[in-house]
């Protein structure tokens, strides 16, 4: 793709097509900016960038070559290429100009953050060119790196170990300082440490699995970082006016480079930010308070399920009927109500392990066979019942009333606690029918409380512990809350519901179209391989690192 200002006239300009290595064809766009109003020029740029973006989307590999000596033209291209999302990391950009580096500062962000190079041509007795690359996350005015030189006679000659269009984000050549948003969570604890270089002599940091993952990524990709908290202490949701709150809003407004926290992947969020490789898949579940250990007066029914009890009673009624029918058919005896009643009591005596008295004539052989089968069945059944009953009597019953959302909704006074403006809160507010429509109705009735994640421990210790509230969040959050409470109290006062609902993919996030996101994803994706290599080595050296602590 070849884009140039209309008044440019380089006799050698199409030689850059060979330099950019695009043998499949060239599409040329021209923008005329001389003698036109600024609004007209901006409209032309918008149209050209829109057409170029459609071409980029239809092609699997695109190189954009921009040729101009006009600083305003180049600045406008840089602005519209980013605004119109023409440039992504898979799209290469080569800027061909005669302007010196000092006049190209407005291109700094585009050239440094994208897969781009500058080819600066110097006219004179001998035409020659220099190929420069700006490293990402360096301040404007920083010195560019000379990658190669070019002359019509010698062609292109590399002058450093860097290749053309180097992968600047796989591992940073310098160690940039990134600003990262995060939030307090049960698996991400905030601590204050002494740091002489920090303002006030103290620095805020975090400990936990997420912090260990960030430490690994910072070493693997070679960057330093500092944590910041969002003003409203939220993950982020979309307001009615289209703005975003929380950490997602900070990433969208480019106030931070990345957010190191598990974010639920949704289509609405994907419109404004990019997600890394998925960290894990979690379901939502409920946290409730256990009842006190007590003896269940109906405990004698618990060893067998209701279906088994129904089957026993049904069989107890059918077996005497079968015996009476067979007696009528095979023994030529008339059916008698008293005989059927006595036969029923005989089967009941076998079930209760009592003696059977046979009066009168002896039983027929087939009657003995039927009673023998019934005795074997009752023997197995009673032995199983006795063993299970003894086990149940040894442990007192603990009441766990809320196992499904329906249980909570059917309770006249139970209330739910949801995380403030989470992804699924926006979901159940939008549904028109089903169980989550009932949840929306419960919100209208004042039976739902919204709290930030940092407020969960206090609510669990008060509202949930007294038994009339349940906390609804991801399984990992519920598990850690239960574990922390057991650590501090030595008791298991809470339980996780059997029902799991609303599965969610969790990932970290970065700025839209930022090459940092796939670079972090690549490093995170190969972590299991690194972990396996490290485990083998740790067996020899007998020591631990941050990576191993993360996997623990």
Protein backbone atom coordinates (compact mmCIF):
# COMPACT_ATOMS: atom_id res chain seq x y z
CA UNK A 1 0.00 0.00 0.00
CA UNK A 2 1.57 3.25 -1.18
CA UNK A 3 0.36 6.62 0.18
CA UNK A 4 1.86 9.95 -0.90
CA UNK A 5 1.08 13.64 -0.96
CA UNK A 6 0.07 14.73 -4.44
CA UNK A 7 2.98 17.13 -5.02
CA UNK A 8 5.73 14.60 -4.17
CA UNK A 9 8.10 13.65 -6.97
CA UNK A 10 10.72 11.09 -6.03
CA UNK A 11 12.32 9.48 -9.07
CA UNK A 12 13.31 6.54 -6.93
CA UNK A 13 10.23 6.34 -4.70
CA UNK A 14 8.89 3.07 -6.11
CA UNK A 15 12.18 1.36 -5.24
CA UNK A 16 10.94 1.30 -1.65
CA UNK A 17 8.46 -1.36 -2.69
CA UNK A 18 11.38 -3.76 -3.02
CA UNK A 19 12.76 -2.55 0.30
CA UNK A 20 9.43 -3.22 2.00
CA UNK A 21 9.30 -6.72 0.46
CA UNK A 22 5.79 -6.64 -0.96
CA UNK A 23 5.94 -8.61 -4.24
CA UNK A 24 2.16 -9.22 -4.40
CA UNK A 25 1.15 -5.80 -5.72
CA UNK A 26 0.82 -2.14 -4.86
CA UNK A 27 -2.18 0.11 -4.23
CA UNK A 28 -1.48 3.85 -4.51
CA UNK A 29 -3.39 6.58 -2.63
CA UNK A 30 -2.76 10.29 -3.08
CA UNK A 31 -3.89 13.16 -0.88
CA UNK A 32 -3.73 16.73 -2.23
CA UNK A 33 -3.25 19.29 0.53
CA UNK A 34 -1.96 22.38 -1.32
CA UNK A 35 -4.36 25.29 -1.64
CA UNK A 36 -7.22 23.53 0.10
CA UNK A 37 -9.03 24.19 3.31
CA UNK A 38 -8.05 22.18 6.35
CA UNK A 39 -11.51 20.60 6.56
CA UNK A 40 -11.27 19.36 2.98
CA UNK A 41 -7.83 17.86 3.60
CA UNK A 42 -9.05 16.18 6.79
CA UNK A 43 -12.01 14.72 4.89
CA UNK A 44 -9.65 13.34 2.24
CA UNK A 45 -7.48 11.75 4.94
CA UNK A 46 -10.50 10.21 6.61
CA UNK A 47 -11.71 8.72 3.33
CA UNK A 48 -8.27 7.43 2.29
CA UNK A 49 -7.58 5.88 5.69
CA UNK A 50 -11.01 4.23 5.68
CA UNK A 51 -10.36 2.71 2.24
CA UNK A 52 -6.86 1.63 3.24
CA UNK A 53 -8.21 -0.02 6.39
CA UNK A 54 -10.72 -2.05 4.36
CA UNK A 55 -7.86 -3.16 2.13
CA UNK A 56 -5.81 -4.12 5.19
CA UNK A 57 -8.70 -6.18 6.57
CA UNK A 58 -9.00 -8.07 3.27
CA UNK A 59 -5.27 -8.83 3.09
CA UNK A 60 -3.34 -11.15 5.34
CA UNK A 61 -0.09 -9.15 5.11
CA UNK A 62 0.12 -5.41 4.37
CA UNK A 63 3.00 -2.93 4.25
CA UNK A 64 2.08 0.76 4.20
CA UNK A 65 4.60 3.12 2.58
CA UNK A 66 4.05 6.85 3.17
CA UNK A 67 5.97 9.32 1.04
CA UNK A 68 5.96 13.07 1.80
CA UNK A 69 8.16 16.05 2.60
CA UNK A 70 5.35 17.94 4.30
CA UNK A 71 5.41 17.76 8.14
CA UNK A 72 1.70 18.63 8.30
CA UNK A 73 0.85 15.81 5.89
CA UNK A 74 2.84 13.29 7.94
CA UNK A 75 1.33 14.52 11.21
CA UNK A 76 -2.17 14.23 9.76
CA UNK A 77 -1.45 10.71 8.52
CA UNK A 78 -0.14 9.70 11.96
CA UNK A 79 -3.29 11.06 13.60
CA UNK A 80 -5.77 9.47 11.22
CA UNK A 81 -3.97 6.14 10.94
CA UNK A 82 -4.29 5.67 14.69
CA UNK A 83 -7.79 7.11 14.94
CA UNK A 84 -9.01 5.07 11.99
CA UNK A 85 -7.20 1.93 13.24
CA UNK A 86 -5.36 1.51 9.98
CA UNK A 87 -2.18 0.46 11.75
CA UNK A 88 -1.96 -2.69 13.82
CA UNK A 89 1.17 -4.61 14.71
CA UNK A 90 0.78 -7.03 11.79
CA UNK A 91 0.76 -4.03 9.39
CA UNK A 92 4.22 -2.66 8.58
CA UNK A 93 4.72 1.06 8.08
CA UNK A 94 7.60 2.68 6.20
CA UNK A 95 7.78 6.50 6.16
CA UNK A 96 9.88 7.85 3.27
CA UNK A 97 10.85 11.53 3.54
CA UNK A 98 13.65 14.07 3.14
CA UNK A 99 12.83 15.80 6.41
CA UNK A 100 15.39 15.59 9.23
CA UNK A 101 14.57 13.67 12.40
CA UNK A 102 14.08 16.90 14.34
CA UNK A 103 11.01 17.74 12.26
CA UNK A 104 9.40 14.33 12.69
CA UNK A 105 8.58 14.50 16.40
CA UNK A 106 4.85 14.37 15.70
CA UNK A 107 5.41 10.91 14.24
CA UNK A 108 7.10 9.69 17.41
CA UNK A 109 4.10 7.89 18.92
CA UNK A 110 3.12 6.21 15.65
CA UNK A 111 6.62 5.07 14.76
CA UNK A 112 7.56 3.99 18.28
CA UNK A 113 4.40 2.06 19.18
CA UNK A 114 3.73 0.45 15.80
CA UNK A 115 5.70 -1.85 13.51
CA UNK A 116 7.23 1.12 11.69
CA UNK A 117 10.51 2.50 10.33
CA UNK A 118 11.72 5.85 8.97
CA UNK A 119 13.66 6.04 5.71
CA UNK A 120 15.24 9.50 5.50
CA UNK A 121 16.73 10.42 2.12
CA UNK A 122 19.55 12.93 1.87
CA UNK A 123 19.99 14.65 -1.53
CA UNK A 124 23.38 15.76 -2.68
CA UNK A 125 26.09 14.66 -4.97
CA UNK A 126 25.28 11.12 -3.95
CA UNK A 127 21.80 10.10 -2.86
CA UNK A 128 21.73 8.01 0.29
CA UNK A 129 19.20 7.03 2.90
CA UNK A 130 19.15 6.02 6.54
CA UNK A 131 16.63 3.67 8.16
CA UNK A 132 15.67 4.51 11.76
CA UNK A 133 13.57 2.83 14.41
CA UNK A 134 12.08 4.42 17.55
CA UNK A 135 11.82 2.17 20.59
CA UNK A 136 8.46 2.00 22.40
CA UNK A 137 7.76 3.79 25.66
CA UNK A 138 10.56 6.31 25.23
CA UNK A 139 9.86 10.03 25.70
CA UNK A 140 9.57 12.29 22.62
CA UNK A 141 12.93 13.68 21.66
CA UNK A 142 14.77 10.45 22.40
CA UNK A 143 17.40 9.39 19.93
CA UNK A 144 16.29 7.01 17.18
CA UNK A 145 18.27 3.83 16.46
CA UNK A 146 19.96 3.58 13.07
CA UNK A 147 19.10 0.16 11.68
CA UNK A 148 20.35 0.28 8.09
CA UNK A 149 21.71 2.53 5.34
CA UNK A 150 20.65 2.66 1.70
CA UNK A 151 22.21 3.87 -1.54
CA UNK A 152 21.12 3.28 -5.15
CA UNK A 153 24.46 1.59 -5.85
CA UNK A 154 24.89 -0.66 -2.79
CA UNK A 155 21.26 -1.12 -1.87
CA UNK A 156 20.31 -1.83 1.72
CA UNK A 157 22.98 -2.55 4.33
CA UNK A 158 22.22 -3.43 7.95
CA UNK A 159 24.43 -1.60 10.46
CA UNK A 160 23.16 -3.23 13.70
CA UNK A 161 22.08 -6.66 14.88
CA UNK A 162 18.45 -5.57 14.52
CA UNK A 163 16.50 -6.77 11.53
CA UNK A 164 14.16 -4.66 9.44
CA UNK A 165 10.87 -4.12 11.25
CA UNK A 166 12.19 -5.64 14.49
CA UNK A 167 9.82 -7.13 17.07
CA UNK A 168 10.22 -4.35 19.61
CA UNK A 169 7.70 -5.76 22.09
CA UNK A 170 8.86 -9.37 22.38
CA UNK A 171 11.61 -8.23 24.76
CA UNK A 172 12.34 -4.53 25.21
CA UNK A 173 15.86 -3.46 24.30
CA UNK A 174 15.75 -0.90 27.08
CA UNK A 175 13.75 -1.23 30.30
CA UNK A 176 10.72 1.06 30.00
CA UNK A 177 8.63 2.06 32.99
CA UNK A 178 4.96 1.13 32.61
CA UNK A 179 1.97 2.33 34.60
CA UNK A 180 -0.29 -0.56 35.55
CA UNK A 181 -3.76 -0.45 37.08
CA UNK A 182 -4.83 -3.11 39.56
CA UNK A 183 -7.27 -3.58 42.40
CA UNK A 184 -7.44 -5.21 45.80
CA UNK A 185 -8.92 -8.72 45.73
CA UNK A 186 -8.73 -11.84 47.89
CA UNK A 187 -5.94 -13.11 45.63
CA UNK A 188 -4.26 -9.70 45.28
CA UNK A 189 -3.30 -8.10 48.60
CA UNK A 190 -2.08 -4.51 48.83
CA UNK A 191 0.92 -3.84 51.08
CA UNK A 192 3.02 -0.76 51.86
CA UNK A 193 6.80 -1.22 51.68
CA UNK A 194 9.65 1.13 52.47
CA UNK A 195 11.30 2.65 49.40
CA UNK A 196 13.75 5.53 49.71
CA UNK A 197 13.23 6.49 46.06
CA UNK A 198 9.43 6.69 46.32
CA UNK A 199 7.61 9.87 47.39
CA UNK A 200 7.25 9.86 51.16
CA UNK A 201 9.68 6.95 51.50
CA UNK A 202 6.94 4.35 50.97
CA UNK A 203 5.59 2.51 47.95
CA UNK A 204 2.35 0.64 47.36
CA UNK A 205 2.73 -2.87 45.99
CA UNK A 206 0.75 -6.10 45.88
CA UNK A 207 1.36 -9.71 46.83
CA UNK A 208 -0.38 -12.85 45.62
CA UNK A 209 -0.72 -14.93 42.44
CA UNK A 210 -1.42 -11.91 40.23
CA UNK A 211 1.61 -10.04 41.61
CA UNK A 212 3.80 -13.10 41.02
CA UNK A 213 2.55 -13.28 37.42
CA UNK A 214 3.36 -9.59 36.90
CA UNK A 215 6.87 -10.09 38.29
CA UNK A 216 7.42 -12.92 35.83
CA UNK A 217 6.15 -10.88 32.89
CA UNK A 218 8.26 -7.86 33.85
CA UNK A 219 11.38 -10.04 33.84
CA UNK A 220 10.48 -11.90 30.65
CA UNK A 221 9.54 -8.80 28.63
CA UNK A 222 12.05 -6.50 30.45
CA UNK A 223 10.02 -3.64 31.89
CA UNK A 224 9.58 -1.98 35.26
CA UNK A 225 6.18 -0.90 36.52
CA UNK A 226 4.25 0.93 39.16
CA UNK A 227 0.75 0.20 40.40
CA UNK A 228 -2.07 2.74 40.46
CA UNK A 229 -5.64 2.40 41.69
CA UNK A 230 -8.69 3.67 39.86
CA UNK A 231 -10.42 6.67 41.50
CA UNK A 232 -13.71 4.77 41.95
CA UNK A 233 -12.01 1.43 42.81
CA UNK A 234 -14.01 -0.50 40.22
CA UNK A 235 -13.14 -2.93 37.44
CA UNK A 236 -15.17 -0.83 35.03
CA UNK A 237 -18.51 -0.63 33.28
CA UNK A 238 -20.06 1.43 30.50
CA UNK A 239 -22.24 4.34 31.58
CA UNK A 240 -25.34 5.45 29.71
CA UNK A 241 -23.39 8.34 28.16
CA UNK A 242 -20.83 5.92 26.67
CA UNK A 243 -17.99 6.67 29.10
CA UNK A 244 -16.25 3.94 31.10
CA UNK A 245 -15.47 3.80 34.79
CA UNK A 246 -12.80 1.99 36.80
CA UNK A 247 -9.68 0.40 35.42
CA UNK A 248 -11.22 -0.16 31.99
CA UNK A 249 -11.85 3.57 31.72
CA UNK A 250 -8.23 4.30 32.67
CA UNK A 251 -6.96 1.92 29.98
CA UNK A 252 -9.35 3.32 27.38
CA UNK A 253 -8.29 6.90 28.13
CA UNK A 254 -4.63 5.78 27.98
CA UNK A 255 -4.00 6.88 31.55
CA UNK A 256 -2.33 3.51 32.16
CA UNK A 257 -0.56 1.13 29.81
CA UNK A 258 -2.08 -2.11 31.07
CA UNK A 259 -4.34 -3.43 33.84
CA UNK A 260 -3.09 -6.44 35.77
CA UNK A 261 -6.27 -7.99 37.13
CA UNK A 262 -8.66 -10.74 35.98
CA UNK A 263 -11.31 -9.12 33.77
CA UNK A 264 -14.31 -10.93 32.38
CA UNK A 265 -14.27 -11.08 28.58
CA UNK A 266 -17.36 -9.45 27.07
CA UNK A 267 -18.12 -8.07 23.62
CA UNK A 268 -18.89 -4.60 25.02
CA UNK A 269 -15.51 -4.37 26.74
CA UNK A 270 -13.70 -5.70 23.66
CA UNK A 271 -14.86 -2.63 21.72
CA UNK A 272 -12.61 -0.31 23.76
CA UNK A 273 -9.78 -2.50 25.11
CA UNK A 274 -7.83 -5.64 24.14
CA UNK A 275 -7.73 -8.84 26.17
CA UNK A 276 -4.66 -10.98 26.73
CA UNK A 277 -4.54 -14.75 26.45
CA UNK A 278 -7.21 -16.19 28.84
CA UNK A 279 -5.95 -16.74 32.36
CA UNK A 280 -8.71 -19.11 33.50
CA UNK A 281 -12.40 -19.89 33.14
CA UNK A 282 -14.54 -19.40 36.21
CA UNK A 283 -18.17 -19.90 37.18
CA UNK A 284 -20.18 -17.76 39.54
CA UNK A 285 -21.36 -19.37 42.74
CA UNK A 286 -22.81 -18.42 46.14
CA UNK A 287 -21.24 -18.11 49.57
CA UNK A 288 -23.53 -18.83 52.51
CA UNK A 289 -23.22 -19.32 56.27
CA UNK A 290 -23.35 -22.84 57.65
CA UNK A 291 -25.84 -23.68 60.35
CA UNK A 292 -24.88 -25.03 63.76
CA UNK A 293 -24.30 -28.80 64.12
CA UNK A 294 -27.56 -30.39 65.20
CA UNK A 295 -29.27 -33.75 65.38
CA UNK A 296 -31.82 -34.18 62.61
CA UNK A 297 -35.02 -35.79 63.94
CA UNK A 298 -35.60 -37.27 60.51
CA UNK A 299 -32.06 -38.58 60.32
CA UNK A 300 -33.21 -42.21 60.14
CA UNK A 301 -34.50 -41.48 56.62
CA UNK A 302 -31.21 -40.04 55.36
CA UNK A 303 -29.28 -43.32 54.69
CA UNK A 304 -31.58 -44.01 51.75
CA UNK A 305 -32.75 -41.60 49.11
CA UNK A 306 -36.48 -40.86 48.70
CA UNK A 307 -36.54 -42.88 45.49
CA UNK A 308 -35.19 -45.95 47.32
CA UNK A 309 -37.80 -45.59 50.06
CA UNK A 310 -40.58 -45.41 47.46
CA UNK A 311 -39.17 -48.48 45.69
CA UNK A 312 -39.10 -50.43 48.99
CA UNK A 313 -42.73 -49.62 49.85
CA UNK A 314 -43.90 -50.35 46.31
CA UNK A 315 -42.12 -53.72 46.30
CA UNK A 316 -43.53 -54.52 49.73
CA UNK A 317 -47.04 -54.14 48.33
CA UNK A 318 -46.42 -55.84 45.00
CA UNK A 319 -44.70 -58.98 46.30
CA UNK A 320 -47.73 -60.25 48.27
CA UNK A 321 -49.92 -59.57 45.27
CA UNK A 322 -47.58 -61.60 43.06
CA UNK A 323 -47.65 -64.48 45.56
CA UNK A 324 -51.46 -64.47 45.70
CA UNK A 325 -51.76 -64.41 41.90
CA UNK A 326 -49.32 -67.29 41.51
CA UNK A 327 -51.13 -69.21 44.27
CA UNK A 328 -54.41 -68.85 42.38
CA UNK A 329 -52.87 -69.92 39.05
CA UNK A 330 -50.53 -72.70 40.18
CA UNK A 331 -52.07 -74.05 43.38
CA UNK A 332 -55.71 -73.77 42.37
CA UNK A 333 -56.56 -71.82 45.50
CA UNK A 334 -59.01 -68.95 45.59
CA UNK A 335 -57.62 -65.52 46.35
CA UNK A 336 -58.48 -64.46 49.86
CA UNK A 337 -58.09 -61.07 51.50
CA UNK A 338 -56.92 -62.62 54.75
CA UNK A 339 -54.31 -64.71 52.93
CA UNK A 340 -53.04 -61.60 51.12
CA UNK A 341 -52.88 -59.68 54.41
CA UNK A 342 -50.99 -62.45 56.16
CA UNK A 343 -48.59 -62.76 53.24
CA UNK A 344 -47.98 -58.99 53.39
CA UNK A 345 -47.18 -59.19 57.09
CA UNK A 346 -44.80 -62.07 56.33
CA UNK A 347 -42.85 -59.93 53.85
CA UNK A 348 -42.85 -57.06 56.36
CA UNK A 349 -41.51 -59.40 59.06
CA UNK A 350 -38.64 -60.37 56.75
CA UNK A 351 -37.86 -56.67 56.15
CA UNK A 352 -37.87 -56.03 59.91
CA UNK A 353 -35.76 -59.18 60.53
CA UNK A 354 -38.44 -61.04 62.54
CA UNK A 355 -39.35 -64.73 62.62
CA UNK A 356 -42.02 -66.08 60.26
CA UNK A 357 -44.48 -68.68 61.60
CA UNK A 358 -45.97 -70.91 58.91
CA UNK A 359 -49.28 -72.44 59.97
CA UNK A 360 -51.28 -75.06 58.17
CA UNK A 361 -50.06 -76.61 54.96
CA UNK A 362 -46.49 -76.21 53.92
CA UNK A 363 -45.46 -73.63 51.37
CA UNK A 364 -45.07 -74.51 47.80
CA UNK A 365 -41.55 -74.55 46.34
CA UNK A 366 -42.08 -71.44 44.22
CA UNK A 367 -43.35 -69.59 47.32
CA UNK A 368 -40.18 -70.51 49.15
CA UNK A 369 -38.17 -69.28 46.17
CA UNK A 370 -39.94 -65.89 46.19
CA UNK A 371 -39.41 -65.46 49.90
CA UNK A 372 -35.76 -66.49 49.54
CA UNK A 373 -35.14 -63.78 46.94
CA UNK A 374 -36.88 -61.24 49.18
CA UNK A 375 -34.70 -62.30 52.13
CA UNK A 376 -31.51 -61.77 50.09
CA UNK A 377 -32.67 -58.32 49.00
CA UNK A 378 -33.59 -57.26 52.53
CA UNK A 379 -30.30 -58.59 53.90
CA UNK A 380 -28.28 -56.39 51.55
CA UNK A 381 -30.62 -53.45 52.11
CA UNK A 382 -30.61 -53.63 55.91
CA UNK A 383 -26.85 -54.06 56.13
CA UNK A 384 -26.32 -51.02 53.92
CA UNK A 385 -28.89 -49.02 55.88
CA UNK A 386 -27.34 -49.90 59.23
CA UNK A 387 -23.84 -48.92 58.14
CA UNK A 388 -24.93 -45.59 56.66
CA UNK A 389 -27.11 -44.79 59.65
CA UNK A 390 -24.24 -45.38 62.05
CA UNK A 391 -22.04 -43.04 60.00
CA UNK A 392 -24.70 -40.34 59.94
CA UNK A 393 -25.33 -40.58 63.67
CA UNK A 394 -21.62 -40.12 64.34
CA UNK A 395 -21.69 -36.67 62.65
CA UNK A 396 -24.26 -34.04 63.43
CA UNK A 397 -26.22 -32.43 60.61
CA UNK A 398 -25.13 -28.95 59.43
CA UNK A 399 -27.80 -26.91 57.68
CA UNK A 400 -26.81 -25.32 54.33
CA UNK A 401 -30.08 -23.77 53.15
CA UNK A 402 -29.12 -21.87 49.96
CA UNK A 403 -27.79 -24.09 47.19
CA UNK A 404 -29.37 -22.36 44.17
CA UNK A 405 -30.45 -18.86 43.25
CA UNK A 406 -34.00 -20.16 43.30
CA UNK A 407 -33.58 -21.08 46.99
CA UNK A 408 -32.65 -17.48 47.77
CA UNK A 409 -35.48 -16.02 45.71
CA UNK A 410 -38.03 -18.32 47.35
CA UNK A 411 -36.91 -17.36 50.84
CA UNK A 412 -39.08 -14.51 52.17
CA UNK A 413 -36.26 -12.43 53.68
CA UNK A 414 -32.92 -13.61 52.20
CA UNK A 415 -30.85 -11.02 50.30
CA UNK A 416 -27.99 -11.23 47.81
CA UNK A 417 -24.69 -9.33 47.64
CA UNK A 418 -23.25 -8.73 44.14
CA UNK A 419 -20.09 -6.95 43.08
CA UNK A 420 -20.77 -3.36 42.08
CA UNK A 421 -21.33 -2.98 38.33
CA UNK A 422 -19.72 -6.28 37.39
CA UNK A 423 -20.16 -7.74 33.91
CA UNK A 424 -22.95 -10.09 34.97
CA UNK A 425 -24.86 -7.39 36.82
CA UNK A 426 -25.23 -5.60 33.49
CA UNK A 427 -26.30 -8.93 32.00
CA UNK A 428 -29.15 -9.84 34.36
CA UNK A 429 -30.44 -6.27 34.22
CA UNK A 430 -30.93 -6.69 30.47
CA UNK A 431 -32.66 -10.10 30.33
CA UNK A 432 -36.39 -10.29 29.72
CA UNK A 433 -37.26 -13.69 31.18
CA UNK A 434 -35.93 -16.60 33.21
CA UNK A 435 -34.35 -16.89 36.63
CA UNK A 436 -32.21 -13.77 36.18
CA UNK A 437 -35.29 -11.74 35.39
CA UNK A 438 -36.45 -12.75 38.86
CA UNK A 439 -33.13 -11.52 40.19
CA UNK A 440 -33.84 -8.14 38.57
CA UNK A 441 -37.24 -8.12 40.27
CA UNK A 442 -35.53 -8.90 43.58
CA UNK A 443 -33.33 -5.83 43.02
CA UNK A 444 -36.47 -3.72 42.64
CA UNK A 445 -37.71 -5.17 45.93
CA UNK A 446 -34.51 -4.12 47.72
CA UNK A 447 -33.15 -7.64 48.17
CA UNK A 448 -29.82 -7.01 46.40
CA UNK A 449 -26.86 -5.07 47.80
CA UNK A 450 -23.96 -3.92 45.61
CA UNK A 451 -20.50 -3.66 47.10
CA UNK A 452 -16.93 -3.28 45.91
CA UNK A 453 -14.62 -6.27 46.09
CA UNK A 454 -12.60 -4.62 48.85
CA UNK A 455 -15.77 -4.48 51.01
CA UNK A 456 -16.47 -8.21 50.75
CA UNK A 457 -14.51 -9.34 53.87
CA UNK A 458 -16.46 -7.02 56.15
CA UNK A 459 -19.80 -8.02 54.64
CA UNK A 460 -18.97 -11.71 54.93
CA UNK A 461 -18.08 -11.27 58.60
CA UNK A 462 -21.35 -9.47 59.36
CA UNK A 463 -24.22 -9.88 56.89
CA UNK A 464 -23.41 -13.32 55.49
CA UNK A 465 -22.35 -14.79 58.84
CA UNK A 466 -25.72 -14.08 60.45
CA UNK A 467 -27.39 -16.26 57.79
CA UNK A 468 -29.84 -13.99 55.93
CA UNK A 469 -27.45 -12.89 53.13
CA UNK A 470 -25.52 -14.75 50.45
CA UNK A 471 -22.51 -13.42 48.55
CA UNK A 472 -22.39 -14.11 44.79
CA UNK A 473 -19.09 -13.94 42.93
CA UNK A 474 -16.54 -16.04 41.04
CA UNK A 475 -15.49 -19.41 42.44
CA UNK A 476 -11.90 -18.32 43.03
CA UNK A 477 -13.08 -15.36 45.14
CA UNK A 478 -15.48 -17.51 47.16
CA UNK A 479 -12.81 -20.18 47.75
CA UNK A 480 -10.26 -17.65 48.98
CA UNK A 481 -12.77 -15.96 51.30
CA UNK A 482 -13.59 -19.34 52.88
CA UNK A 483 -9.89 -20.19 53.19
CA UNK A 484 -9.01 -16.87 54.80
CA UNK A 485 -11.84 -17.15 57.31
CA UNK A 486 -10.71 -20.65 58.27
CA UNK A 487 -7.14 -19.40 58.68
CA UNK A 488 -8.17 -16.66 61.09
CA UNK A 489 -10.92 -18.46 63.05
CA UNK A 490 -10.01 -22.14 62.79
CA UNK A 491 -13.64 -22.91 61.93
CA UNK A 492 -15.42 -23.66 58.67
CA UNK A 493 -18.37 -21.29 59.03
CA UNK A 494 -19.17 -20.84 55.34
CA UNK A 495 -19.94 -23.04 52.36
CA UNK A 496 -19.99 -22.76 48.59
CA UNK A 497 -23.25 -23.62 46.82
CA UNK A 498 -23.58 -26.66 44.60
CA UNK A 499 -25.05 -24.55 41.78
CA UNK A 500 -22.58 -22.93 39.37
CA UNK A 501 -23.80 -20.49 36.74
CA UNK A 502 -22.73 -17.82 34.23
CA UNK A 503 -19.29 -19.08 33.12
CA UNK A 504 -16.76 -16.35 32.37
CA UNK A 505 -13.35 -16.18 30.69
CA UNK A 506 -10.88 -14.04 32.65
CA UNK A 507 -7.98 -12.12 31.09
CA UNK A 508 -5.80 -9.08 31.68
CA UNK A 509 -6.34 -6.02 29.49
CA UNK A 510 -4.36 -3.41 27.58
CA UNK A 511 -4.97 -0.47 25.30
CA UNK A 512 -6.82 -1.07 22.06
CA UNK A 513 -4.49 -2.28 19.28
CA UNK A 514 -1.48 -2.08 21.61
CA UNK A 515 1.32 -4.49 20.59
CA UNK A 516 2.07 -4.96 24.29
CA UNK A 517 -1.05 -7.13 24.71
CA UNK A 518 -0.04 -9.95 22.30
CA UNK A 519 3.53 -9.77 23.66
CA UNK A 520 2.26 -10.40 27.20
CA UNK A 521 -0.08 -13.10 25.89
CA UNK A 522 2.81 -14.90 24.21
CA UNK A 523 4.85 -14.91 27.41
CA UNK A 524 1.89 -15.99 29.50
CA UNK A 525 1.00 -18.74 27.03
CA UNK A 526 4.42 -20.42 27.38
CA UNK A 527 4.45 -20.26 31.19
CA UNK A 528 3.50 -23.96 31.68
CA UNK A 529 6.54 -24.96 29.59
CA UNK A 530 8.79 -22.72 31.67
CA UNK A 531 7.23 -24.07 34.84
CA UNK A 532 7.98 -27.68 33.85
CA UNK A 533 11.59 -26.79 33.06
CA UNK A 534 11.90 -24.98 36.35
CA UNK A 535 10.45 -27.87 38.37
CA UNK A 536 13.10 -30.22 37.01
CA UNK A 537 15.82 -27.72 37.85
CA UNK A 538 14.43 -26.98 41.31
CA UNK A 539 14.74 -30.64 42.21
CA UNK A 540 18.48 -30.22 41.71
CA UNK A 541 19.16 -26.80 43.17
CA UNK A 542 16.51 -27.00 45.95
CA UNK A 543 15.40 -23.38 45.84
CA UNK A 544 12.31 -21.40 44.93
CA UNK A 545 11.63 -18.38 42.75
CA UNK A 546 8.74 -16.02 42.13
CA UNK A 547 7.53 -18.18 39.25
CA UNK A 548 7.28 -21.27 41.44
CA UNK A 549 5.51 -19.28 44.16
CA UNK A 550 2.96 -18.19 41.56
CA UNK A 551 2.14 -21.78 40.68
CA UNK A 552 1.88 -22.72 44.35
